[in-house]
Amino acid sequence: DTVKVMETRPLSKDKRWRLVEIMEKAK
């Protein structure tokens, strides 16, 4: 849920990419 919220309102592209990496690691 937290990741989804961050994706909807990304502060910067770098942070968005970081979230993607975290999601991939979680999988």
C-alpha atoms as a PDB file:
ATOM      1  CA  ASP A   1       0.000   0.000   0.000  1.00  0.00           C
ATOM      2  CA  THR A   2       2.736   2.449   0.982  1.00  0.00           C
ATOM      3  CA  VAL A   3       4.595   1.822  -2.269  1.00  0.00           C
ATOM      4  CA  LYS A   4       1.409   2.385  -4.251  1.00  0.00           C
ATOM      5  CA  VAL A   5       0.807   5.745  -2.576  1.00  0.00           C
ATOM      6  CA  MET A   6       4.406   6.805  -3.254  1.00  0.00           C
ATOM      7  CA  GLU A   7       4.060   5.775  -6.889  1.00  0.00           C
ATOM      8  CA  THR A   8       0.937   7.891  -7.299  1.00  0.00           C
ATOM      9  CA  ARG A   9       2.702  10.989  -5.955  1.00  0.00           C
ATOM     10  CA  PRO A  10       6.421  10.504  -6.711  1.00  0.00           C
ATOM     11  CA  LEU A  11       8.644  13.305  -5.408  1.00  0.00           C
ATOM     12  CA  SER A  12      11.304  12.566  -8.008  1.00  0.00           C
ATOM     13  CA  LYS A  13      12.086  10.038 -10.733  1.00  0.00           C
ATOM     14  CA  ASP A  14      15.034   8.719  -8.714  1.00  0.00           C
ATOM     15  CA  LYS A  15      12.792   7.951  -5.750  1.00  0.00           C
ATOM     16  CA  ARG A  16      10.267   6.296  -8.029  1.00  0.00           C
ATOM     17  CA  TRP A  17      12.980   4.054  -9.487  1.00  0.00           C
ATOM     18  CA  ARG A  18      14.137   3.240  -5.956  1.00  0.00           C
ATOM     19  CA  LEU A  19      10.612   2.065  -5.107  1.00  0.00           C
ATOM     20  CA  VAL A  20      10.609  -0.124  -8.219  1.00  0.00           C
ATOM     21  CA  GLU A  21      13.869  -1.723  -7.081  1.00  0.00           C
ATOM     22  CA  ILE A  22      12.447  -2.345  -3.610  1.00  0.00           C
ATOM     23  CA  MET A  23       9.335  -3.926  -5.142  1.00  0.00           C
ATOM     24  CA  GLU A  24      11.498  -6.213  -7.301  1.00  0.00           C
ATOM     25  CA  LYS A  25      13.559  -7.229  -4.259  1.00  0.00           C
ATOM     26  CA  ALA A  26      10.366  -7.910  -2.297  1.00  0.00           C
ATOM     27  CA  LYS A  27       9.253 -10.307  -5.035  1.00  0.00           C
END
